[in-house]
C-alpha atoms as a PDB file:
ATOM      1  CA  UNK A   1       4.897  -0.087  21.390  1.00  0.00           C
ATOM      2  CA  UNK A   2       7.167   1.549  18.820  1.00  0.00           C
ATOM      3  CA  UNK A   3       5.393   2.667  15.641  1.00  0.00           C
ATOM      4  CA  UNK A   4       7.107   3.713  12.430  1.00  0.00           C
ATOM      5  CA  UNK A   5       5.063   6.170  10.357  1.00  0.00           C
ATOM      6  CA  UNK A   6       5.909   6.631   6.699  1.00  0.00           C
ATOM      7  CA  UNK A   7       4.126   7.505   3.450  1.00  0.00           C
ATOM      8  CA  UNK A   8       4.612   7.863  -0.287  1.00  0.00           C
ATOM      9  CA  UNK A   9       3.396  11.463  -0.674  1.00  0.00           C
ATOM     10  CA  UNK A  10       6.541  12.852   0.906  1.00  0.00           C
ATOM     11  CA  UNK A  11       7.594  13.993   4.348  1.00  0.00           C
ATOM     12  CA  UNK A  12       5.850  17.374   4.025  1.00  0.00           C
ATOM     13  CA  UNK A  13       2.453  15.896   3.075  1.00  0.00           C
ATOM     14  CA  UNK A  14      -0.379  16.982   5.407  1.00  0.00           C
ATOM     15  CA  UNK A  15      -1.692  13.449   5.836  1.00  0.00           C
ATOM     16  CA  UNK A  16       1.599  12.294   7.339  1.00  0.00           C
ATOM     17  CA  UNK A  17       1.512  14.889  10.109  1.00  0.00           C
ATOM     18  CA  UNK A  18      -2.100  14.057  11.027  1.00  0.00           C
ATOM     19  CA  UNK A  19      -1.237  10.364  11.196  1.00  0.00           C
ATOM     20  CA  UNK A  20       1.852  10.951  13.332  1.00  0.00           C
ATOM     21  CA  UNK A  21      -0.173  12.946  15.836  1.00  0.00           C
ATOM     22  CA  UNK A  22      -2.876  10.262  15.966  1.00  0.00           C
ATOM     23  CA  UNK A  23      -0.413   7.395  16.520  1.00  0.00           C
ATOM     24  CA  UNK A  24       1.178   8.934  19.607  1.00  0.00           C
ATOM     25  CA  UNK A  25      -1.604   7.568  21.796  1.00  0.00           C
ATOM     26  CA  UNK A  26      -0.295   4.026  21.159  1.00  0.00           C
ATOM     27  CA  UNK A  27       3.346   4.550  22.107  1.00  0.00           C
ATOM     28  CA  UNK A  28       6.595   5.916  20.731  1.00  0.00           C
ATOM     29  CA  UNK A  29       6.432   7.168  17.148  1.00  0.00           C
ATOM     30  CA  UNK A  30       9.317   7.478  14.704  1.00  0.00           C
ATOM     31  CA  UNK A  31       9.004   9.077  11.284  1.00  0.00           C
ATOM     32  CA  UNK A  32      10.984   8.119   8.198  1.00  0.00           C
ATOM     33  CA  UNK A  33       9.500   9.281   4.911  1.00  0.00           C
ATOM     34  CA  UNK A  34      10.611  10.083   1.363  1.00  0.00           C
ATOM     35  CA  UNK A  35      11.828  13.597   0.666  1.00  0.00           C
ATOM     36  CA  UNK A  36       9.558  13.771  -2.406  1.00  0.00           C
ATOM     37  CA  UNK A  37       6.427  12.164  -3.818  1.00  0.00           C
ATOM     38  CA  UNK A  38       6.723   8.462  -4.693  1.00  0.00           C
ATOM     39  CA  UNK A  39       3.074   7.866  -5.613  1.00  0.00           C
ATOM     40  CA  UNK A  40       2.540   5.112  -8.174  1.00  0.00           C
ATOM     41  CA  UNK A  41       6.067   3.677  -7.947  1.00  0.00           C
ATOM     42  CA  UNK A  42       4.925   0.425  -6.346  1.00  0.00           C
ATOM     43  CA  UNK A  43       7.335  -1.711  -4.350  1.00  0.00           C
ATOM     44  CA  UNK A  44      10.548  -0.011  -5.414  1.00  0.00           C
ATOM     45  CA  UNK A  45      13.629  -0.866  -3.367  1.00  0.00           C
ATOM     46  CA  UNK A  46      17.136   0.359  -4.096  1.00  0.00           C
ATOM     47  CA  UNK A  47      20.149  -1.914  -4.126  1.00  0.00           C
ATOM     48  CA  UNK A  48      22.434  -0.196  -6.647  1.00  0.00           C
ATOM     49  CA  UNK A  49      22.694   3.393  -5.435  1.00  0.00           C
ATOM     50  CA  UNK A  50      23.373   5.108  -2.117  1.00  0.00           C
ATOM     51  CA  UNK A  51      20.484   6.348  -0.004  1.00  0.00           C
ATOM     52  CA  UNK A  52      20.730   9.766   1.604  1.00  0.00           C
ATOM     53  CA  UNK A  53      19.035  10.578   4.922  1.00  0.00           C
ATOM     54  CA  UNK A  54      18.656  13.936   6.594  1.00  0.00           C
ATOM     55  CA  UNK A  55      16.993  15.170   9.758  1.00  0.00           C
ATOM     56  CA  UNK A  56      13.959  17.412   9.243  1.00  0.00           C
ATOM     57  CA  UNK A  57      11.128  18.894  11.283  1.00  0.00           C
ATOM     58  CA  UNK A  58       7.452  18.449  10.555  1.00  0.00           C
ATOM     59  CA  UNK A  59       5.114  21.445  10.730  1.00  0.00           C
ATOM     60  CA  UNK A  60       4.446  20.888  14.444  1.00  0.00           C
ATOM     61  CA  UNK A  61       8.131  20.564  15.267  1.00  0.00           C
ATOM     62  CA  UNK A  62       8.241  16.756  15.306  1.00  0.00           C
ATOM     63  CA  UNK A  63      11.679  15.375  14.479  1.00  0.00           C
ATOM     64  CA  UNK A  64      11.690  13.167  11.397  1.00  0.00           C
ATOM     65  CA  UNK A  65      14.063  11.577   8.921  1.00  0.00           C
ATOM     66  CA  UNK A  66      13.707  12.232   5.205  1.00  0.00           C
ATOM     67  CA  UNK A  67      15.340  10.059   2.582  1.00  0.00           C
ATOM     68  CA  UNK A  68      15.718  10.157  -1.187  1.00  0.00           C
ATOM     69  CA  UNK A  69      14.653   6.508  -1.169  1.00  0.00           C
ATOM     70  CA  UNK A  70      11.231   4.950  -1.608  1.00  0.00           C
ATOM     71  CA  UNK A  71       8.634   4.082   1.052  1.00  0.00           C
ATOM     72  CA  UNK A  72       9.916   0.504   1.019  1.00  0.00           C
ATOM     73  CA  UNK A  73      13.450   1.820   1.539  1.00  0.00           C
ATOM     74  CA  UNK A  74      12.207   3.806   4.533  1.00  0.00           C
ATOM     75  CA  UNK A  75      10.871   0.666   6.190  1.00  0.00           C
ATOM     76  CA  UNK A  76      13.844  -1.514   5.282  1.00  0.00           C
ATOM     77  CA  UNK A  77      16.342   1.004   6.651  1.00  0.00           C
ATOM     78  CA  UNK A  78      14.310   1.420   9.839  1.00  0.00           C
ATOM     79  CA  UNK A  79      14.237  -2.289  10.671  1.00  0.00           C
ATOM     80  CA  UNK A  80      17.847  -2.867   9.598  1.00  0.00           C
ATOM     81  CA  UNK A  81      19.274  -0.425  12.103  1.00  0.00           C
ATOM     82  CA  UNK A  82      18.633   3.171  11.072  1.00  0.00           C
ATOM     83  CA  UNK A  83      16.438   3.341  14.158  1.00  0.00           C
ATOM     84  CA  UNK A  84      18.018   2.047  17.364  1.00  0.00           C
ATOM     85  CA  UNK A  85      14.669   0.842  18.711  1.00  0.00           C
ATOM     86  CA  UNK A  86      12.877  -2.257  17.391  1.00  0.00           C
ATOM     87  CA  UNK A  87       9.880  -1.429  15.185  1.00  0.00           C
ATOM     88  CA  UNK A  88       6.660  -3.138  16.334  1.00  0.00           C
ATOM     89  CA  UNK A  89       4.247  -1.709  13.779  1.00  0.00           C
ATOM     90  CA  UNK A  90       4.436   0.231  10.509  1.00  0.00           C
ATOM     91  CA  UNK A  91       1.605   2.610   9.641  1.00  0.00           C
ATOM     92  CA  UNK A  92       1.711   4.242   6.198  1.00  0.00           C
ATOM     93  CA  UNK A  93      -0.312   7.251   5.086  1.00  0.00           C
ATOM     94  CA  UNK A  94      -2.523   9.112   5.199  1.00  0.00           C
ATOM     95  CA  UNK A  95      -2.397   8.807   1.415  1.00  0.00           C
ATOM     96  CA  UNK A  96      -4.070  11.596  -0.543  1.00  0.00           C
ATOM     97  CA  UNK A  97      -5.937   9.203  -2.849  1.00  0.00           C
ATOM     98  CA  UNK A  98      -7.589   5.801  -2.581  1.00  0.00           C
ATOM     99  CA  UNK A  99      -5.681   2.541  -2.960  1.00  0.00           C
ATOM    100  CA  UNK A 100      -8.484   0.221  -4.000  1.00  0.00           C
ATOM    101  CA  UNK A 101      -8.515  -3.066  -5.879  1.00  0.00           C
ATOM    102  CA  UNK A 102      -5.491  -3.458  -8.148  1.00  0.00           C
ATOM    103  CA  UNK A 103      -4.098  -0.141  -6.908  1.00  0.00           C
ATOM    104  CA  UNK A 104      -2.223  -2.129  -4.262  1.00  0.00           C
ATOM    105  CA  UNK A 105       0.242  -3.218  -6.964  1.00  0.00           C
ATOM    106  CA  UNK A 106       1.069   0.398  -7.844  1.00  0.00           C
ATOM    107  CA  UNK A 107       0.838   1.985  -4.411  1.00  0.00           C
ATOM    108  CA  UNK A 108       3.906   3.140  -2.539  1.00  0.00           C
ATOM    109  CA  UNK A 109       1.755   3.394   0.578  1.00  0.00           C
ATOM    110  CA  UNK A 110       0.896  -0.288   0.417  1.00  0.00           C
ATOM    111  CA  UNK A 111       4.477  -1.117  -0.599  1.00  0.00           C
ATOM    112  CA  UNK A 112       5.644   0.228   2.761  1.00  0.00           C
ATOM    113  CA  UNK A 113       3.556  -2.279   4.699  1.00  0.00           C
ATOM    114  CA  UNK A 114       4.441  -5.040   2.256  1.00  0.00           C
ATOM    115  CA  UNK A 115       8.083  -4.375   3.073  1.00  0.00           C
ATOM    116  CA  UNK A 116       7.227  -4.456   6.774  1.00  0.00           C
ATOM    117  CA  UNK A 117       5.546  -7.814   6.235  1.00  0.00           C
ATOM    118  CA  UNK A 118       8.692  -9.191   4.601  1.00  0.00           C
ATOM    119  CA  UNK A 119      10.576  -8.304   7.782  1.00  0.00           C
ATOM    120  CA  UNK A 120       7.939  -9.853  10.030  1.00  0.00           C
ATOM    121  CA  UNK A 121       6.481  -6.553  11.212  1.00  0.00           C
ATOM    122  CA  UNK A 122       2.746  -5.806  11.291  1.00  0.00           C
ATOM    123  CA  UNK A 123       1.533  -3.083   8.936  1.00  0.00           C
ATOM    124  CA  UNK A 124      -1.466  -0.865   8.219  1.00  0.00           C
ATOM    125  CA  UNK A 125      -1.876   1.381   5.162  1.00  0.00           C
ATOM    126  CA  UNK A 126      -4.333   4.290   5.385  1.00  0.00           C
ATOM    127  CA  UNK A 127      -5.652   6.073   2.300  1.00  0.00           C
ATOM    128  CA  UNK A 128      -8.250   8.823   1.916  1.00  0.00           C
ATOM    129  CA  UNK A 129     -10.416   8.698  -1.220  1.00  0.00           C
ATOM    130  CA  UNK A 130      -9.930  12.348  -2.188  1.00  0.00           C
ATOM    131  CA  UNK A 131     -11.691  13.240  -5.427  1.00  0.00           C
ATOM    132  CA  UNK A 132      -9.871  15.434  -7.920  1.00  0.00           C
ATOM    133  CA  UNK A 133     -13.007  17.510  -8.508  1.00  0.00           C
ATOM    134  CA  UNK A 134     -13.734  18.126  -4.823  1.00  0.00           C
ATOM    135  CA  UNK A 135     -13.725  21.741  -3.616  1.00  0.00           C
ATOM    136  CA  UNK A 136     -13.758  20.716   0.062  1.00  0.00           C
ATOM    137  CA  UNK A 137     -10.706  20.368   2.280  1.00  0.00           C
ATOM    138  CA  UNK A 138      -9.747  16.678   2.663  1.00  0.00           C
ATOM    139  CA  UNK A 139     -11.121  15.101   5.840  1.00  0.00           C
ATOM    140  CA  UNK A 140      -7.828  13.783   7.180  1.00  0.00           C
ATOM    141  CA  UNK A 141      -9.273  13.809  10.702  1.00  0.00           C
ATOM    142  CA  UNK A 142     -11.802  11.131   9.740  1.00  0.00           C
ATOM    143  CA  UNK A 143      -9.043   9.025   8.190  1.00  0.00           C
ATOM    144  CA  UNK A 144      -6.948   9.422  11.342  1.00  0.00           C
ATOM    145  CA  UNK A 145      -9.867   8.296  13.511  1.00  0.00           C
ATOM    146  CA  UNK A 146     -10.301   5.191  11.360  1.00  0.00           C
ATOM    147  CA  UNK A 147      -6.556   4.569  11.464  1.00  0.00           C
ATOM    148  CA  UNK A 148      -6.668   4.568  15.254  1.00  0.00           C
ATOM    149  CA  UNK A 149      -9.531   2.063  15.284  1.00  0.00           C
ATOM    150  CA  UNK A 150      -7.714  -0.325  12.965  1.00  0.00           C
ATOM    151  CA  UNK A 151      -4.366   0.028  14.730  1.00  0.00           C
ATOM    152  CA  UNK A 152      -6.076  -0.698  18.042  1.00  0.00           C
ATOM    153  CA  UNK A 153      -7.557  -3.846  16.500  1.00  0.00           C
ATOM    154  CA  UNK A 154      -4.173  -4.946  15.182  1.00  0.00           C
ATOM    155  CA  UNK A 155      -2.438  -4.368  18.517  1.00  0.00           C
ATOM    156  CA  UNK A 156      -5.093  -6.196  20.529  1.00  0.00           C
ATOM    157  CA  UNK A 157      -5.415  -9.225  18.243  1.00  0.00           C
ATOM    158  CA  UNK A 158      -1.752  -9.821  17.376  1.00  0.00           C
ATOM    159  CA  UNK A 159      -2.487 -11.029  13.851  1.00  0.00           C
ATOM    160  CA  UNK A 160      -0.052 -13.392  12.103  1.00  0.00           C
ATOM    161  CA  UNK A 161       2.915 -11.641  10.536  1.00  0.00           C
ATOM    162  CA  UNK A 162       1.921 -12.849   7.078  1.00  0.00           C
ATOM    163  CA  UNK A 163      -1.145 -10.566   7.147  1.00  0.00           C
ATOM    164  CA  UNK A 164      -1.260  -6.797   6.713  1.00  0.00           C
ATOM    165  CA  UNK A 165      -4.144  -4.357   6.274  1.00  0.00           C
ATOM    166  CA  UNK A 166      -5.093  -1.929   3.526  1.00  0.00           C
ATOM    167  CA  UNK A 167      -7.592   0.676   4.732  1.00  0.00           C
ATOM    168  CA  UNK A 168      -9.497   3.123   2.512  1.00  0.00           C
ATOM    169  CA  UNK A 169     -11.620   5.923   3.940  1.00  0.00           C
ATOM    170  CA  UNK A 170     -14.268   7.895   2.018  1.00  0.00           C
ATOM    171  CA  UNK A 171     -13.596  11.622   1.940  1.00  0.00           C
ATOM    172  CA  UNK A 172     -16.932  12.676   3.426  1.00  0.00           C
ATOM    173  CA  UNK A 173     -18.137  14.651   6.462  1.00  0.00           C
ATOM    174  CA  UNK A 174     -18.062  12.692   9.723  1.00  0.00           C
ATOM    175  CA  UNK A 175     -21.867  12.762  10.029  1.00  0.00           C
ATOM    176  CA  UNK A 176     -22.198  10.819   6.758  1.00  0.00           C
ATOM    177  CA  UNK A 177     -19.607   8.201   7.692  1.00  0.00           C
ATOM    178  CA  UNK A 178     -21.179   4.758   8.240  1.00  0.00           C
ATOM    179  CA  UNK A 179     -18.371   2.846   9.952  1.00  0.00           C
ATOM    180  CA  UNK A 180     -15.901   0.113   9.025  1.00  0.00           C
ATOM    181  CA  UNK A 181     -16.366  -2.942   6.828  1.00  0.00           C
ATOM    182  CA  UNK A 182     -14.131  -5.958   6.378  1.00  0.00           C
ATOM    183  CA  UNK A 183     -13.708  -6.306   2.619  1.00  0.00           C
ATOM    184  CA  UNK A 184     -11.914  -8.109  -0.171  1.00  0.00           C
ATOM    185  CA  UNK A 185     -10.176  -6.425  -3.089  1.00  0.00           C
ATOM    186  CA  UNK A 186     -12.508  -5.095  -5.741  1.00  0.00           C
ATOM    187  CA  UNK A 187     -12.082  -4.664  -9.479  1.00  0.00           C
ATOM    188  CA  UNK A 188     -10.481  -1.367 -10.428  1.00  0.00           C
ATOM    189  CA  UNK A 189     -11.217   0.055 -13.883  1.00  0.00           C
ATOM    190  CA  UNK A 190      -8.341   2.027 -15.379  1.00  0.00           C
ATOM    191  CA  UNK A 191      -8.680   4.548 -18.184  1.00  0.00           C
ATOM    192  CA  UNK A 192      -5.009   5.042 -18.956  1.00  0.00           C
ATOM    193  CA  UNK A 193      -3.943   6.123 -22.404  1.00  0.00           C
ATOM    194  CA  UNK A 194      -0.575   6.651 -24.037  1.00  0.00           C
ATOM    195  CA  UNK A 195       0.090  10.126 -25.385  1.00  0.00           C
ATOM    196  CA  UNK A 196       2.850  10.861 -27.883  1.00  0.00           C
ATOM    197  CA  UNK A 197       4.387  14.324 -27.559  1.00  0.00           C
ATOM    198  CA  UNK A 198       7.405  16.358 -28.619  1.00  0.00           C
ATOM    199  CA  UNK A 199       9.678  18.227 -26.274  1.00  0.00           C
ATOM    200  CA  UNK A 200      11.019  21.758 -27.021  1.00  0.00           C
ATOM    201  CA  UNK A 201      13.924  20.194 -28.915  1.00  0.00           C
ATOM    202  CA  UNK A 202      11.561  18.290 -31.177  1.00  0.00           C
ATOM    203  CA  UNK A 203      12.348  14.908 -29.643  1.00  0.00           C
ATOM    204  CA  UNK A 204       9.479  12.453 -29.197  1.00  0.00           C
ATOM    205  CA  UNK A 205       8.505  11.290 -25.734  1.00  0.00           C
ATOM    206  CA  UNK A 206       5.533   9.427 -24.285  1.00  0.00           C
ATOM    207  CA  UNK A 207       3.254  10.222 -21.384  1.00  0.00           C
ATOM    208  CA  UNK A 208       0.931   7.724 -19.707  1.00  0.00           C
ATOM    209  CA  UNK A 209      -2.136   9.714 -18.743  1.00  0.00           C
ATOM    210  CA  UNK A 210      -5.885   9.385 -18.845  1.00  0.00           C
ATOM    211  CA  UNK A 211      -8.897   9.887 -16.636  1.00  0.00           C
ATOM    212  CA  UNK A 212      -8.995   8.948 -12.975  1.00  0.00           C
ATOM    213  CA  UNK A 213      -9.717   5.249 -12.383  1.00  0.00           C
ATOM    214  CA  UNK A 214     -13.127   4.062 -11.310  1.00  0.00           C
ATOM    215  CA  UNK A 215     -14.212   0.659 -10.064  1.00  0.00           C
ATOM    216  CA  UNK A 216     -17.045  -1.836  -9.870  1.00  0.00           C
ATOM    217  CA  UNK A 217     -18.807  -1.225  -6.526  1.00  0.00           C
ATOM    218  CA  UNK A 218     -19.644  -4.855  -5.844  1.00  0.00           C
ATOM    219  CA  UNK A 219     -20.982  -5.872  -2.442  1.00  0.00           C
ATOM    220  CA  UNK A 220     -18.239  -7.061  -0.112  1.00  0.00           C
ATOM    221  CA  UNK A 221     -15.407  -5.293  -1.912  1.00  0.00           C
ATOM    222  CA  UNK A 222     -13.317  -2.312  -0.865  1.00  0.00           C
ATOM    223  CA  UNK A 223     -14.698  -0.299  -3.782  1.00  0.00           C
ATOM    224  CA  UNK A 224     -18.277  -1.142  -2.850  1.00  0.00           C
ATOM    225  CA  UNK A 225     -17.775  -0.239   0.820  1.00  0.00           C
ATOM    226  CA  UNK A 226     -16.196   3.153   0.147  1.00  0.00           C
ATOM    227  CA  UNK A 227     -18.929   3.997  -2.374  1.00  0.00           C
ATOM    228  CA  UNK A 228     -21.529   3.443   0.374  1.00  0.00           C
ATOM    229  CA  UNK A 229     -19.755   5.651   2.908  1.00  0.00           C
ATOM    230  CA  UNK A 230     -17.875   2.936   4.826  1.00  0.00           C
ATOM    231  CA  UNK A 231     -14.153   2.609   5.410  1.00  0.00           C
ATOM    232  CA  UNK A 232     -12.865  -0.607   3.883  1.00  0.00           C
ATOM    233  CA  UNK A 233     -10.452  -2.785   5.844  1.00  0.00           C
ATOM    234  CA  UNK A 234      -8.869  -5.359   3.544  1.00  0.00           C
ATOM    235  CA  UNK A 235      -6.514  -8.040   4.905  1.00  0.00           C
ATOM    236  CA  UNK A 236      -3.741  -8.769   2.426  1.00  0.00           C
ATOM    237  CA  UNK A 237      -0.850 -11.204   2.115  1.00  0.00           C
ATOM    238  CA  UNK A 238       2.285 -11.452   0.011  1.00  0.00           C
ATOM    239  CA  UNK A 239       1.640 -15.041  -1.106  1.00  0.00           C
ATOM    240  CA  UNK A 240       0.305 -14.733  -4.684  1.00  0.00           C
ATOM    241  CA  UNK A 241      -0.133 -18.496  -5.161  1.00  0.00           C
ATOM    242  CA  UNK A 242      -3.414 -19.391  -6.915  1.00  0.00           C
ATOM    243  CA  UNK A 243      -4.478 -21.964  -4.335  1.00  0.00           C
ATOM    244  CA  UNK A 244      -7.849 -22.606  -5.969  1.00  0.00           C
ATOM    245  CA  UNK A 245      -5.990 -24.460  -8.734  1.00  0.00           C
ATOM    246  CA  UNK A 246      -4.888 -26.994  -6.107  1.00  0.00           C
ATOM    247  CA  UNK A 247      -8.428 -27.831  -4.943  1.00  0.00           C
ATOM    248  CA  UNK A 248      -9.086 -31.552  -4.596  1.00  0.00           C
ATOM    249  CA  UNK A 249     -11.518 -31.724  -7.478  1.00  0.00           C
ATOM    250  CA  UNK A 250      -9.492 -33.859  -9.868  1.00  0.00           C
ATOM    251  CA  UNK A 251      -8.155 -36.939  -8.060  1.00  0.00           C
ATOM    252  CA  UNK A 252      -6.590 -34.663  -5.494  1.00  0.00           C
ATOM    253  CA  UNK A 253      -4.554 -32.781  -8.073  1.00  0.00           C
ATOM    254  CA  UNK A 254      -6.861 -29.828  -8.710  1.00  0.00           C
ATOM    255  CA  UNK A 255      -7.649 -28.104 -11.994  1.00  0.00           C
ATOM    256  CA  UNK A 256      -4.112 -28.578 -13.266  1.00  0.00           C
ATOM    257  CA  UNK A 257      -4.159 -32.298 -12.528  1.00  0.00           C
ATOM    258  CA  UNK A 258      -4.638 -33.635 -16.061  1.00  0.00           C
ATOM    259  CA  UNK A 259      -1.977 -31.309 -17.392  1.00  0.00           C
ATOM    260  CA  UNK A 260       0.588 -31.829 -14.652  1.00  0.00           C
ATOM    261  CA  UNK A 261       0.124 -35.492 -13.696  1.00  0.00           C
ATOM    262  CA  UNK A 262       3.496 -37.193 -13.834  1.00  0.00           C
ATOM    263  CA  UNK A 263       5.319 -34.224 -15.313  1.00  0.00           C
ATOM    264  CA  UNK A 264       7.451 -33.690 -12.217  1.00  0.00           C
ATOM    265  CA  UNK A 265       9.102 -37.094 -12.835  1.00  0.00           C
ATOM    266  CA  UNK A 266       8.963 -37.213 -16.621  1.00  0.00           C
ATOM    267  CA  UNK A 267      12.310 -37.295 -18.396  1.00  0.00           C
ATOM    268  CA  UNK A 268      12.331 -35.147 -21.498  1.00  0.00           C
ATOM    269  CA  UNK A 269      14.870 -35.534 -24.277  1.00  0.00           C
ATOM    270  CA  UNK A 270      17.014 -32.448 -24.852  1.00  0.00           C
ATOM    271  CA  UNK A 271      15.858 -29.986 -27.477  1.00  0.00           C
ATOM    272  CA  UNK A 272      17.814 -30.405 -30.724  1.00  0.00           C
ATOM    273  CA  UNK A 273      20.151 -27.552 -31.532  1.00  0.00           C
ATOM    274  CA  UNK A 274      19.340 -25.528 -34.647  1.00  0.00           C
ATOM    275  CA  UNK A 275      21.327 -26.503 -37.710  1.00  0.00           C
END
């Protein structure tokens, strides 16, 4: 088993080192991570500029590769030949904030395993729900323990390559941790606001800020599980198709039936050009 570990917090992030050390029990571990923080950049992938890679050492002496590319770039380069050995599993994290609900669209951590999924490689994203106001040291050890449990599950069950897993762990003492729950995505509530400012030269610029997001802790969701002291394990897929609109509730055509019936064969006259 060859595991690629990456993240979006950067190669020097403490969560990355903890995850690397935890993954060694499953086989060979390679590390390719961004050389700086890519949090919130989503599934960014570079096609129009060169990507630089350099050899670095983690705090425990582990050899790693750092790149000026994104987490998705890290995975793409790994599977396309930057690593001589075939990658069997990508594990991303341990992220220093939760990736719950709609966060998966913004998350570089999740983007890494989405990229793995595109290449037919299994993936697990691990995030720790660190609170900005917390005075306690983050419990990365708990997140690493959960990561090992989920990775073991993935290895043993050989899930289809169109499925990947987003895992969120509450940042609580081990004695308060209640276990793992299989969940669906919850509803994130964002409190972003646009601020208009002036730089030292008097030029106007804008800053998207605001309070930390919250969420609706509904039963069965990732947000609800983490709020109760469980780690959420959410299976995801890249197919965004709204399949419920194809349900056989309208002469086999689904909700869109009345609108779409016959339109695939209808011949429409060309739009007249403006005078």
